[in-house]
Structure formats: C-alpha cells, structure tokens
C-alpha cells in the first residue's frame, strides 16, 4: 500500500505538492499567530458563543489537524507514495471543513476564508486529475 506513486513528474503532481507545502507552512504561521499573538488582531470577542475562550485550542487544531494533514500529504507526495492522493484529499477536505466551521462559529467573514476554501477546492481538483477522474487539459502542439 505504500509503494511509489506511478505519476512521474507531471505538472498536476508538482502543483499539488507545492500547494500542500504552502498550506502546511501557512497553517503553521496561523498557529503561531493564534498562540503567540492571541489571534493576531482577531478580537477575542469573536469567540463569544463558541466553546472557546481564547485562541489556544483553535490554534492547536489549525496547526495539528489542518497543518498536520497538509504536511503528511506533502511528505507523501514528495516520496511518491500511493497513499499521497488519499492524504491530499483528506488535507483538502480538512481545510475546507475548517473554513466552514470557522464561518459558522465566528459568524464573521474574512477574504482569507474564501482564499483558503478555494485552495482546498484546487487541491481536490488536482487529486481528481491525478486519479484520472478529471481529464487533464490538452496542450497545443
């Protein structure tokens, strides 16, 4: 089950690898901002009505679950493991779920939520391309 991924060096695989690395690093930065900078300018008042009284637990969830799955996906893609597409899909769904729950709980919108939700969608589309479910774009030539 952990044999190498037979995808060569196609553009979709490289794009997915780059995207998972970016999202893992971004989640790590978001975690530091949530923990060390108490939300980095996001008012604690936004947490009213949620189970959280500080950004500690949300920051740990962001880093551990969202960033962690992105990191596992990136490493498995780098190593060309068959399981890499599963991890990439899990990471993408996790990020999209994070944004959805964040919007539902905080009831405040930031343009970054749309950006990260879209990045999750792009990750899923790249997984589908690599699985052969979504056809690759044909090039002229």
C-alpha atoms as a PDB file:
ATOM      1  CA  UNK A   1       0.000   0.000   0.000  1.00  0.00           C
ATOM      2  CA  UNK A   2       2.981   2.336   0.428  1.00  0.00           C
ATOM      3  CA  UNK A   3       4.536   1.635  -2.956  1.00  0.00           C
ATOM      4  CA  UNK A   4       5.681   4.578  -5.088  1.00  0.00           C
ATOM      5  CA  UNK A   5       3.086   6.681  -6.883  1.00  0.00           C
ATOM      6  CA  UNK A   6       3.339   5.987 -10.645  1.00  0.00           C
ATOM      7  CA  UNK A   7       2.814   9.579 -11.779  1.00  0.00           C
ATOM      8  CA  UNK A   8       6.250  10.649 -12.914  1.00  0.00           C
ATOM      9  CA  UNK A   9       6.875  14.373 -12.749  1.00  0.00           C
ATOM     10  CA  UNK A  10       3.619  15.659 -14.186  1.00  0.00           C
ATOM     11  CA  UNK A  11       2.553  19.261 -13.651  1.00  0.00           C
ATOM     12  CA  UNK A  12      -0.519  18.346 -11.599  1.00  0.00           C
ATOM     13  CA  UNK A  13       1.583  16.397  -9.100  1.00  0.00           C
ATOM     14  CA  UNK A  14       4.090  19.241  -8.765  1.00  0.00           C
ATOM     15  CA  UNK A  15       1.271  21.753  -8.348  1.00  0.00           C
ATOM     16  CA  UNK A  16      -0.353  19.605  -5.663  1.00  0.00           C
ATOM     17  CA  UNK A  17       2.966  19.198  -3.859  1.00  0.00           C
ATOM     18  CA  UNK A  18       3.567  22.959  -3.933  1.00  0.00           C
ATOM     19  CA  UNK A  19       0.050  23.659  -2.734  1.00  0.00           C
ATOM     20  CA  UNK A  20       0.245  21.221   0.183  1.00  0.00           C
ATOM     21  CA  UNK A  21       3.610  22.662   1.247  1.00  0.00           C
ATOM     22  CA  UNK A  22       2.198  26.194   1.058  1.00  0.00           C
ATOM     23  CA  UNK A  23      -0.883  25.226   3.080  1.00  0.00           C
ATOM     24  CA  UNK A  24       1.200  23.406   5.723  1.00  0.00           C
ATOM     25  CA  UNK A  25       3.506  26.409   6.146  1.00  0.00           C
ATOM     26  CA  UNK A  26       0.554  28.785   6.159  1.00  0.00           C
ATOM     27  CA  UNK A  27      -1.208  26.749   8.860  1.00  0.00           C
ATOM     28  CA  UNK A  28       1.989  26.763  10.935  1.00  0.00           C
ATOM     29  CA  UNK A  29       2.179  30.552  10.634  1.00  0.00           C
ATOM     30  CA  UNK A  30      -1.512  30.829  11.544  1.00  0.00           C
ATOM     31  CA  UNK A  31      -0.912  28.639  14.580  1.00  0.00           C
ATOM     32  CA  UNK A  32       1.954  30.828  15.773  1.00  0.00           C
ATOM     33  CA  UNK A  33      -0.181  33.909  15.249  1.00  0.00           C
ATOM     34  CA  UNK A  34      -3.102  32.371  17.146  1.00  0.00           C
ATOM     35  CA  UNK A  35      -0.970  31.223  20.062  1.00  0.00           C
ATOM     36  CA  UNK A  36       1.794  33.802  20.403  1.00  0.00           C
ATOM     37  CA  UNK A  37      -0.146  36.832  19.218  1.00  0.00           C
ATOM     38  CA  UNK A  38      -3.529  35.922  20.784  1.00  0.00           C
ATOM     39  CA  UNK A  39      -5.283  35.785  17.436  1.00  0.00           C
ATOM     40  CA  UNK A  40      -3.105  38.333  15.624  1.00  0.00           C
ATOM     41  CA  UNK A  41      -5.660  41.105  15.676  1.00  0.00           C
ATOM     42  CA  UNK A  42      -8.785  38.960  15.565  1.00  0.00           C
ATOM     43  CA  UNK A  43     -10.826  40.152  18.545  1.00  0.00           C
ATOM     44  CA  UNK A  44     -11.386  37.568  21.292  1.00  0.00           C
ATOM     45  CA  UNK A  45     -14.978  38.853  21.270  1.00  0.00           C
ATOM     46  CA  UNK A  46     -15.441  36.885  18.019  1.00  0.00           C
ATOM     47  CA  UNK A  47     -15.215  33.723  20.143  1.00  0.00           C
ATOM     48  CA  UNK A  48     -18.375  34.653  22.082  1.00  0.00           C
ATOM     49  CA  UNK A  49     -20.953  31.932  21.605  1.00  0.00           C
ATOM     50  CA  UNK A  50     -18.309  29.301  20.821  1.00  0.00           C
ATOM     51  CA  UNK A  51     -16.850  26.722  23.207  1.00  0.00           C
ATOM     52  CA  UNK A  52     -13.560  28.661  23.150  1.00  0.00           C
ATOM     53  CA  UNK A  53     -12.480  31.490  25.440  1.00  0.00           C
ATOM     54  CA  UNK A  54      -9.095  32.032  23.793  1.00  0.00           C
ATOM     55  CA  UNK A  55      -7.340  31.166  20.546  1.00  0.00           C
ATOM     56  CA  UNK A  56      -5.335  28.357  22.187  1.00  0.00           C
ATOM     57  CA  UNK A  57      -7.484  25.375  21.194  1.00  0.00           C
ATOM     58  CA  UNK A  58      -8.426  26.719  17.734  1.00  0.00           C
ATOM     59  CA  UNK A  59      -4.736  27.456  17.127  1.00  0.00           C
ATOM     60  CA  UNK A  60      -3.760  23.921  18.119  1.00  0.00           C
ATOM     61  CA  UNK A  61      -6.473  22.472  15.876  1.00  0.00           C
ATOM     62  CA  UNK A  62      -5.297  24.643  12.983  1.00  0.00           C
ATOM     63  CA  UNK A  63      -1.688  23.551  13.409  1.00  0.00           C
ATOM     64  CA  UNK A  64      -2.228  19.937  14.365  1.00  0.00           C
ATOM     65  CA  UNK A  65      -5.112  18.862  12.182  1.00  0.00           C
ATOM     66  CA  UNK A  66      -5.194  21.274   9.255  1.00  0.00           C
ATOM     67  CA  UNK A  67      -1.446  21.870   9.005  1.00  0.00           C
ATOM     68  CA  UNK A  68      -0.562  18.338  10.059  1.00  0.00           C
ATOM     69  CA  UNK A  69      -2.605  16.673   7.323  1.00  0.00           C
ATOM     70  CA  UNK A  70      -1.216  19.124   4.758  1.00  0.00           C
ATOM     71  CA  UNK A  71       2.315  18.243   5.915  1.00  0.00           C
ATOM     72  CA  UNK A  72       1.657  14.494   5.751  1.00  0.00           C
ATOM     73  CA  UNK A  73       0.193  14.963   2.260  1.00  0.00           C
ATOM     74  CA  UNK A  74       3.229  16.979   1.152  1.00  0.00           C
ATOM     75  CA  UNK A  75       5.716  14.445   2.507  1.00  0.00           C
ATOM     76  CA  UNK A  76       3.883  11.510   0.945  1.00  0.00           C
ATOM     77  CA  UNK A  77       3.695  13.358  -2.389  1.00  0.00           C
ATOM     78  CA  UNK A  78       7.419  14.121  -2.189  1.00  0.00           C
ATOM     79  CA  UNK A  79       8.101  10.433  -1.545  1.00  0.00           C
ATOM     80  CA  UNK A  80       5.695   9.462  -4.343  1.00  0.00           C
ATOM     81  CA  UNK A  81       3.656   7.178  -2.111  1.00  0.00           C
ATOM     82  CA  UNK A  82       0.366   5.770  -3.391  1.00  0.00           C
ATOM     83  CA  UNK A  83      -1.321   6.979  -0.218  1.00  0.00           C
ATOM     84  CA  UNK A  84      -0.370  10.567  -1.085  1.00  0.00           C
ATOM     85  CA  UNK A  85      -3.573  11.228  -3.013  1.00  0.00           C
ATOM     86  CA  UNK A  86      -5.660   9.996  -0.094  1.00  0.00           C
ATOM     87  CA  UNK A  87      -3.735  12.259   2.294  1.00  0.00           C
ATOM     88  CA  UNK A  88      -4.092  15.157  -0.136  1.00  0.00           C
ATOM     89  CA  UNK A  89      -7.855  14.667  -0.302  1.00  0.00           C
ATOM     90  CA  UNK A  90      -8.068  14.422   3.499  1.00  0.00           C
ATOM     91  CA  UNK A  91      -5.993  17.597   3.843  1.00  0.00           C
ATOM     92  CA  UNK A  92      -8.125  19.471   1.311  1.00  0.00           C
ATOM     93  CA  UNK A  93     -11.406  18.426   2.924  1.00  0.00           C
ATOM     94  CA  UNK A  94      -9.969  19.255   6.335  1.00  0.00           C
ATOM     95  CA  UNK A  95      -9.058  22.758   5.257  1.00  0.00           C
ATOM     96  CA  UNK A  96     -12.445  23.336   3.665  1.00  0.00           C
ATOM     97  CA  UNK A  97     -14.168  21.995   6.782  1.00  0.00           C
ATOM     98  CA  UNK A  98     -12.005  24.280   8.963  1.00  0.00           C
ATOM     99  CA  UNK A  99     -13.165  27.322   6.981  1.00  0.00           C
ATOM    100  CA  UNK A 100     -16.806  26.215   7.027  1.00  0.00           C
ATOM    101  CA  UNK A 101     -16.827  25.607  10.796  1.00  0.00           C
ATOM    102  CA  UNK A 102     -14.910  28.832  11.418  1.00  0.00           C
ATOM    103  CA  UNK A 103     -17.522  30.809   9.490  1.00  0.00           C
ATOM    104  CA  UNK A 104     -20.376  29.039  11.252  1.00  0.00           C
ATOM    105  CA  UNK A 105     -18.927  29.529  14.728  1.00  0.00           C
ATOM    106  CA  UNK A 106     -17.465  33.020  14.470  1.00  0.00           C
ATOM    107  CA  UNK A 107     -20.106  34.388  12.119  1.00  0.00           C
ATOM    108  CA  UNK A 108     -17.530  36.865  10.811  1.00  0.00           C
ATOM    109  CA  UNK A 109     -16.141  36.809   7.298  1.00  0.00           C
ATOM    110  CA  UNK A 110     -12.591  37.421   6.111  1.00  0.00           C
ATOM    111  CA  UNK A 111     -11.432  37.297   2.500  1.00  0.00           C
ATOM    112  CA  UNK A 112      -8.771  34.812   3.655  1.00  0.00           C
ATOM    113  CA  UNK A 113     -11.513  32.275   4.355  1.00  0.00           C
ATOM    114  CA  UNK A 114     -12.552  32.396   0.703  1.00  0.00           C
ATOM    115  CA  UNK A 115      -8.923  32.066  -0.404  1.00  0.00           C
ATOM    116  CA  UNK A 116      -8.238  29.009   1.765  1.00  0.00           C
ATOM    117  CA  UNK A 117     -11.539  27.374   0.871  1.00  0.00           C
ATOM    118  CA  UNK A 118     -10.648  27.864  -2.806  1.00  0.00           C
ATOM    119  CA  UNK A 119      -7.191  26.374  -2.209  1.00  0.00           C
ATOM    120  CA  UNK A 120      -8.890  23.294  -0.748  1.00  0.00           C
ATOM    121  CA  UNK A 121     -11.074  23.042  -3.848  1.00  0.00           C
ATOM    122  CA  UNK A 122      -7.995  23.315  -6.082  1.00  0.00           C
ATOM    123  CA  UNK A 123      -6.285  20.561  -4.085  1.00  0.00           C
ATOM    124  CA  UNK A 124      -9.298  18.295  -4.601  1.00  0.00           C
ATOM    125  CA  UNK A 125      -9.418  19.037  -8.325  1.00  0.00           C
ATOM    126  CA  UNK A 126      -5.711  18.178  -8.622  1.00  0.00           C
ATOM    127  CA  UNK A 127      -6.338  14.896  -6.792  1.00  0.00           C
ATOM    128  CA  UNK A 128      -9.136  14.116  -9.250  1.00  0.00           C
ATOM    129  CA  UNK A 129      -6.853  14.945 -12.189  1.00  0.00           C
ATOM    130  CA  UNK A 130      -4.142  12.663 -10.836  1.00  0.00           C
ATOM    131  CA  UNK A 131      -6.685   9.875 -10.331  1.00  0.00           C
ATOM    132  CA  UNK A 132      -7.791  10.300 -13.950  1.00  0.00           C
ATOM    133  CA  UNK A 133     -11.328  11.285 -12.956  1.00  0.00           C
ATOM    134  CA  UNK A 134     -10.996  14.829 -14.278  1.00  0.00           C
ATOM    135  CA  UNK A 135      -9.275  14.881 -17.661  1.00  0.00           C
ATOM    136  CA  UNK A 136      -6.003  16.737 -17.976  1.00  0.00           C
ATOM    137  CA  UNK A 137      -6.021  19.858 -20.112  1.00  0.00           C
ATOM    138  CA  UNK A 138      -4.738  19.134 -23.584  1.00  0.00           C
ATOM    139  CA  UNK A 139      -1.849  21.227 -24.788  1.00  0.00           C
ATOM    140  CA  UNK A 140      -1.447  22.525 -28.287  1.00  0.00           C
ATOM    141  CA  UNK A 141       1.488  21.253 -30.236  1.00  0.00           C
END
